[in-house]
Amino acid sequence: MHRDAQRQVYELMAPKLYRTCKRYLKKEEEVEEALADAFYTIFTKIDQLKESKAFEGWCRTITVNQCLLSIRKNVNFNMYIDDVKALSQPAAAEVTDLEEEDLLQLLTLIPEGCRTIFNLFVIEGYAHKEIAEMLSISEGTSKSQLNASKVKLRELVNQLYYQKAK
């Protein structure tokens, strides 16, 4: 791939892939490292892309996998399950004024394991079986982490959006 073509691909895809990295990783250094590694893989394995129409999805998959590599080094996905069991289930409140950006911001406040599973299941659309294989965990752990992320997000929404109204 020529340098000009690489620059164009980078300029087109970097903002989207950066946001993908930010959904998974908190530290800016980790985000930048995962993004750089993703682009390295994209540029060195572009010949493996079978369908040019699938380019953006292919790039996102590579980026998610780079983020997961970073997370797997640092996260014990079983660590937060007991913490969540101790939380009381907040009452379901109707959320009408919560925007997508608000939710993405709240995701940064939950534990990394919960956030990772939430991203993979809810945003990327992977099944628990696929997530379990990707992260070398059990399906039950994936389901528990997803439940934990929902409980924590619901608690944060109630705390940050509905306590102000009282």
C-alpha atoms as a PDB file:
ATOM      1  CA  MET A   1       0.000   0.000   0.000  1.00  0.00           C
ATOM      2  CA  HIS A   2       1.381   3.414  -0.930  1.00  0.00           C
ATOM      3  CA  ARG A   3       2.072   6.028   1.737  1.00  0.00           C
ATOM      4  CA  ASP A   4      -0.555   8.426   0.330  1.00  0.00           C
ATOM      5  CA  ALA A   5      -3.183   5.695   0.408  1.00  0.00           C
ATOM      6  CA  GLN A   6      -2.199   4.803   3.978  1.00  0.00           C
ATOM      7  CA  ARG A   7      -2.494   8.446   5.029  1.00  0.00           C
ATOM      8  CA  GLN A   8      -5.959   8.675   3.455  1.00  0.00           C
ATOM      9  CA  VAL A   9      -7.109   5.499   5.179  1.00  0.00           C
ATOM     10  CA  TYR A  10      -5.716   6.765   8.480  1.00  0.00           C
ATOM     11  CA  GLU A  11      -7.421  10.148   8.144  1.00  0.00           C
ATOM     12  CA  LEU A  12     -10.732   8.494   7.257  1.00  0.00           C
ATOM     13  CA  MET A  13     -10.712   5.745   9.876  1.00  0.00           C
ATOM     14  CA  ALA A  14      -8.722   7.158  12.816  1.00  0.00           C
ATOM     15  CA  PRO A  15     -11.575   9.168  14.417  1.00  0.00           C
ATOM     16  CA  LYS A  16     -13.972   6.196  14.296  1.00  0.00           C
ATOM     17  CA  LEU A  17     -11.416   3.696  15.529  1.00  0.00           C
ATOM     18  CA  TYR A  18     -10.233   6.080  18.247  1.00  0.00           C
ATOM     19  CA  ARG A  19     -13.810   6.238  19.613  1.00  0.00           C
ATOM     20  CA  THR A  20     -13.933   2.430  19.547  1.00  0.00           C
ATOM     21  CA  CYS A  21     -10.719   2.288  21.595  1.00  0.00           C
ATOM     22  CA  LYS A  22     -12.081   4.872  24.059  1.00  0.00           C
ATOM     23  CA  ARG A  23     -15.106   2.661  24.720  1.00  0.00           C
ATOM     24  CA  TYR A  24     -12.802  -0.135  25.902  1.00  0.00           C
ATOM     25  CA  LEU A  25      -9.774   1.594  27.401  1.00  0.00           C
ATOM     26  CA  LYS A  26      -9.557   4.395  29.964  1.00  0.00           C
ATOM     27  CA  LYS A  27      -5.935   5.513  29.806  1.00  0.00           C
ATOM     28  CA  GLU A  28      -5.006   7.692  26.851  1.00  0.00           C
ATOM     29  CA  GLU A  29      -1.678   5.868  26.439  1.00  0.00           C
ATOM     30  CA  GLU A  30      -3.507   2.550  26.130  1.00  0.00           C
ATOM     31  CA  VAL A  31      -5.936   4.032  23.600  1.00  0.00           C
ATOM     32  CA  GLU A  32      -3.123   5.406  21.473  1.00  0.00           C
ATOM     33  CA  GLU A  33      -1.131   2.174  21.674  1.00  0.00           C
ATOM     34  CA  ALA A  34      -4.131   0.040  20.701  1.00  0.00           C
ATOM     35  CA  LEU A  35      -4.954   2.400  17.828  1.00  0.00           C
ATOM     36  CA  ALA A  36      -1.370   2.350  16.544  1.00  0.00           C
ATOM     37  CA  ASP A  37      -1.257  -1.447  16.788  1.00  0.00           C
ATOM     38  CA  ALA A  38      -4.607  -1.686  14.996  1.00  0.00           C
ATOM     39  CA  PHE A  39      -3.371   0.464  12.107  1.00  0.00           C
ATOM     40  CA  TYR A  40      -0.179  -1.568  11.902  1.00  0.00           C
ATOM     41  CA  THR A  41      -2.278  -4.723  11.565  1.00  0.00           C
ATOM     42  CA  ILE A  42      -4.637  -3.082   9.078  1.00  0.00           C
ATOM     43  CA  PHE A  43      -1.780  -1.951   6.842  1.00  0.00           C
ATOM     44  CA  THR A  44       0.209  -5.186   7.055  1.00  0.00           C
ATOM     45  CA  LYS A  45      -2.747  -7.528   6.567  1.00  0.00           C
ATOM     46  CA  ILE A  46      -4.825  -5.564   4.061  1.00  0.00           C
ATOM     47  CA  ASP A  47      -4.167  -8.311   1.510  1.00  0.00           C
ATOM     48  CA  GLN A  48      -6.246 -10.656   3.720  1.00  0.00           C
ATOM     49  CA  LEU A  49      -9.382  -8.528   3.311  1.00  0.00           C
ATOM     50  CA  LYS A  50     -11.674 -10.516   1.046  1.00  0.00           C
ATOM     51  CA  GLU A  51     -14.470  -8.009   0.468  1.00  0.00           C
ATOM     52  CA  SER A  52     -13.634  -4.308   0.098  1.00  0.00           C
ATOM     53  CA  LYS A  53     -17.196  -3.372   1.122  1.00  0.00           C
ATOM     54  CA  ALA A  54     -16.470  -4.872   4.549  1.00  0.00           C
ATOM     55  CA  PHE A  55     -13.375  -2.683   5.099  1.00  0.00           C
ATOM     56  CA  GLU A  56     -14.779  -0.520   7.897  1.00  0.00           C
ATOM     57  CA  GLY A  57     -16.136  -3.488   9.848  1.00  0.00           C
ATOM     58  CA  TRP A  58     -12.877  -5.369   9.309  1.00  0.00           C
ATOM     59  CA  CYS A  59     -10.934  -2.389  10.693  1.00  0.00           C
ATOM     60  CA  ARG A  60     -13.267  -2.145  13.707  1.00  0.00           C
ATOM     61  CA  THR A  61     -12.865  -5.863  14.434  1.00  0.00           C
ATOM     62  CA  ILE A  62      -9.084  -5.511  14.357  1.00  0.00           C
ATOM     63  CA  THR A  63      -9.312  -2.488  16.667  1.00  0.00           C
ATOM     64  CA  VAL A  64     -11.600  -4.268  19.145  1.00  0.00           C
ATOM     65  CA  ASN A  65      -9.218  -7.222  19.182  1.00  0.00           C
ATOM     66  CA  GLN A  66      -6.273  -4.912  19.928  1.00  0.00           C
ATOM     67  CA  CYS A  67      -8.224  -3.405  22.822  1.00  0.00           C
ATOM     68  CA  LEU A  68      -9.076  -6.871  24.119  1.00  0.00           C
ATOM     69  CA  LEU A  69      -5.396  -7.849  24.014  1.00  0.00           C
ATOM     70  CA  SER A  70      -4.623  -4.901  26.262  1.00  0.00           C
ATOM     71  CA  ILE A  71      -7.533  -5.645  28.595  1.00  0.00           C
ATOM     72  CA  ARG A  72      -6.757  -9.363  28.922  1.00  0.00           C
ATOM     73  CA  LYS A  73      -3.304  -8.464  30.265  1.00  0.00           C
ATOM     74  CA  ASN A  74      -4.758  -6.334  33.068  1.00  0.00           C
ATOM     75  CA  VAL A  75      -8.286  -7.454  33.967  1.00  0.00           C
ATOM     76  CA  ASN A  76      -9.601 -10.304  36.067  1.00  0.00           C
ATOM     77  CA  PHE A  77     -13.166 -10.675  34.825  1.00  0.00           C
ATOM     78  CA  ASN A  78     -14.192 -12.621  37.934  1.00  0.00           C
ATOM     79  CA  MET A  79     -13.111  -9.856  40.305  1.00  0.00           C
ATOM     80  CA  TYR A  80     -16.243  -7.682  40.357  1.00  0.00           C
ATOM     81  CA  ILE A  81     -18.993 -10.279  40.426  1.00  0.00           C
ATOM     82  CA  ASP A  82     -19.205 -10.445  44.234  1.00  0.00           C
ATOM     83  CA  ASP A  83     -19.247  -6.638  44.472  1.00  0.00           C
ATOM     84  CA  VAL A  84     -22.292  -6.494  42.235  1.00  0.00           C
ATOM     85  CA  LYS A  85     -24.205  -9.159  44.164  1.00  0.00           C
ATOM     86  CA  ALA A  86     -23.981  -6.893  47.206  1.00  0.00           C
ATOM     87  CA  LEU A  87     -25.584  -3.964  45.371  1.00  0.00           C
ATOM     88  CA  SER A  88     -29.278  -3.461  45.751  1.00  0.00           C
ATOM     89  CA  GLN A  89     -31.231  -3.458  42.516  1.00  0.00           C
ATOM     90  CA  PRO A  90     -32.307   0.178  41.963  1.00  0.00           C
ATOM     91  CA  ALA A  91     -35.886   0.773  40.967  1.00  0.00           C
ATOM     92  CA  ALA A  92     -36.363   1.013  37.223  1.00  0.00           C
ATOM     93  CA  ALA A  93     -36.880   4.607  36.228  1.00  0.00           C
ATOM     94  CA  GLU A  94     -38.009   5.770  32.844  1.00  0.00           C
ATOM     95  CA  VAL A  95     -35.083   7.399  31.109  1.00  0.00           C
ATOM     96  CA  THR A  96     -36.134   9.823  28.440  1.00  0.00           C
ATOM     97  CA  ASP A  97     -33.451  12.496  28.519  1.00  0.00           C
ATOM     98  CA  LEU A  98     -30.373  10.268  28.517  1.00  0.00           C
ATOM     99  CA  GLU A  99     -28.391  10.591  25.296  1.00  0.00           C
ATOM    100  CA  GLU A 100     -26.005   8.048  23.758  1.00  0.00           C
ATOM    101  CA  GLU A 101     -23.013  10.222  24.650  1.00  0.00           C
ATOM    102  CA  ASP A 102     -24.201  10.305  28.287  1.00  0.00           C
ATOM    103  CA  LEU A 103     -24.324   6.508  28.351  1.00  0.00           C
ATOM    104  CA  LEU A 104     -20.870   6.213  26.778  1.00  0.00           C
ATOM    105  CA  GLN A 105     -19.547   8.617  29.421  1.00  0.00           C
ATOM    106  CA  LEU A 106     -21.160   6.558  32.188  1.00  0.00           C
ATOM    107  CA  LEU A 107     -19.475   3.438  30.776  1.00  0.00           C
ATOM    108  CA  THR A 108     -16.118   4.948  31.705  1.00  0.00           C
ATOM    109  CA  LEU A 109     -17.194   4.876  35.362  1.00  0.00           C
ATOM    110  CA  ILE A 110     -17.847   1.139  35.628  1.00  0.00           C
ATOM    111  CA  PRO A 111     -15.145  -1.512  36.164  1.00  0.00           C
ATOM    112  CA  GLU A 112     -13.156  -2.469  33.081  1.00  0.00           C
ATOM    113  CA  GLY A 113     -14.380  -6.078  33.006  1.00  0.00           C
ATOM    114  CA  CYS A 114     -18.029  -5.004  33.105  1.00  0.00           C
ATOM    115  CA  ARG A 115     -17.446  -2.311  30.497  1.00  0.00           C
ATOM    116  CA  THR A 116     -15.684  -4.721  28.163  1.00  0.00           C
ATOM    117  CA  ILE A 117     -18.496  -7.274  28.277  1.00  0.00           C
ATOM    118  CA  PHE A 118     -21.129  -4.538  27.869  1.00  0.00           C
ATOM    119  CA  ASN A 119     -19.323  -3.167  24.804  1.00  0.00           C
ATOM    120  CA  LEU A 120     -18.905  -6.585  23.216  1.00  0.00           C
ATOM    121  CA  PHE A 121     -22.479  -7.725  23.856  1.00  0.00           C
ATOM    122  CA  VAL A 122     -24.566  -4.555  23.544  1.00  0.00           C
ATOM    123  CA  ILE A 123     -22.574  -2.387  21.139  1.00  0.00           C
ATOM    124  CA  GLU A 124     -20.620  -4.890  19.023  1.00  0.00           C
ATOM    125  CA  GLY A 125     -23.369  -7.534  19.052  1.00  0.00           C
ATOM    126  CA  TYR A 126     -21.326 -10.579  20.037  1.00  0.00           C
ATOM    127  CA  ALA A 127     -23.037 -13.552  21.728  1.00  0.00           C
ATOM    128  CA  HIS A 128     -21.942 -14.683  25.197  1.00  0.00           C
ATOM    129  CA  LYS A 129     -20.362 -17.806  23.685  1.00  0.00           C
ATOM    130  CA  GLU A 130     -18.232 -15.660  21.339  1.00  0.00           C
ATOM    131  CA  ILE A 131     -17.270 -13.305  24.168  1.00  0.00           C
ATOM    132  CA  ALA A 132     -16.282 -16.248  26.351  1.00  0.00           C
ATOM    133  CA  GLU A 133     -14.018 -17.578  23.604  1.00  0.00           C
ATOM    134  CA  MET A 134     -12.500 -14.149  22.878  1.00  0.00           C
ATOM    135  CA  LEU A 135     -11.659 -13.479  26.522  1.00  0.00           C
ATOM    136  CA  SER A 136     -10.973 -17.059  27.662  1.00  0.00           C
ATOM    137  CA  ILE A 137     -13.743 -16.918  30.272  1.00  0.00           C
ATOM    138  CA  SER A 138     -16.910 -18.939  30.825  1.00  0.00           C
ATOM    139  CA  GLU A 139     -20.253 -17.969  29.308  1.00  0.00           C
ATOM    140  CA  GLY A 140     -21.547 -17.626  32.863  1.00  0.00           C
ATOM    141  CA  THR A 141     -18.860 -15.067  33.653  1.00  0.00           C
ATOM    142  CA  SER A 142     -19.788 -13.138  30.521  1.00  0.00           C
ATOM    143  CA  LYS A 143     -23.457 -13.145  31.530  1.00  0.00           C
ATOM    144  CA  SER A 144     -22.628 -12.152  35.114  1.00  0.00           C
ATOM    145  CA  GLN A 145     -20.427  -9.299  33.916  1.00  0.00           C
ATOM    146  CA  LEU A 146     -23.161  -8.062  31.570  1.00  0.00           C
ATOM    147  CA  ASN A 147     -25.667  -8.146  34.414  1.00  0.00           C
ATOM    148  CA  ALA A 148     -23.165  -6.375  36.657  1.00  0.00           C
ATOM    149  CA  SER A 149     -22.642  -3.660  34.051  1.00  0.00           C
ATOM    150  CA  LYS A 150     -26.404  -3.114  33.727  1.00  0.00           C
ATOM    151  CA  VAL A 151     -26.828  -2.885  37.509  1.00  0.00           C
ATOM    152  CA  LYS A 152     -23.944  -0.435  37.815  1.00  0.00           C
ATOM    153  CA  LEU A 153     -25.157   1.672  34.883  1.00  0.00           C
ATOM    154  CA  ARG A 154     -28.703   1.760  36.270  1.00  0.00           C
ATOM    155  CA  GLU A 155     -27.320   2.801  39.647  1.00  0.00           C
ATOM    156  CA  LEU A 156     -25.225   5.564  38.044  1.00  0.00           C
ATOM    157  CA  VAL A 157     -28.170   6.818  35.989  1.00  0.00           C
ATOM    158  CA  ASN A 158     -30.369   6.952  39.093  1.00  0.00           C
ATOM    159  CA  GLN A 159     -27.612   8.611  41.085  1.00  0.00           C
ATOM    160  CA  LEU A 160     -26.466  11.180  38.541  1.00  0.00           C
ATOM    161  CA  TYR A 161     -29.684  11.959  36.675  1.00  0.00           C
ATOM    162  CA  TYR A 162     -32.513  11.421  39.130  1.00  0.00           C
ATOM    163  CA  GLN A 163     -31.028  12.473  42.471  1.00  0.00           C
ATOM    164  CA  LYS A 164     -30.682  16.035  41.134  1.00  0.00           C
ATOM    165  CA  ALA A 165     -34.411  16.300  40.599  1.00  0.00           C
ATOM    166  CA  LYS A 166     -35.194  15.571  44.278  1.00  0.00           C
END
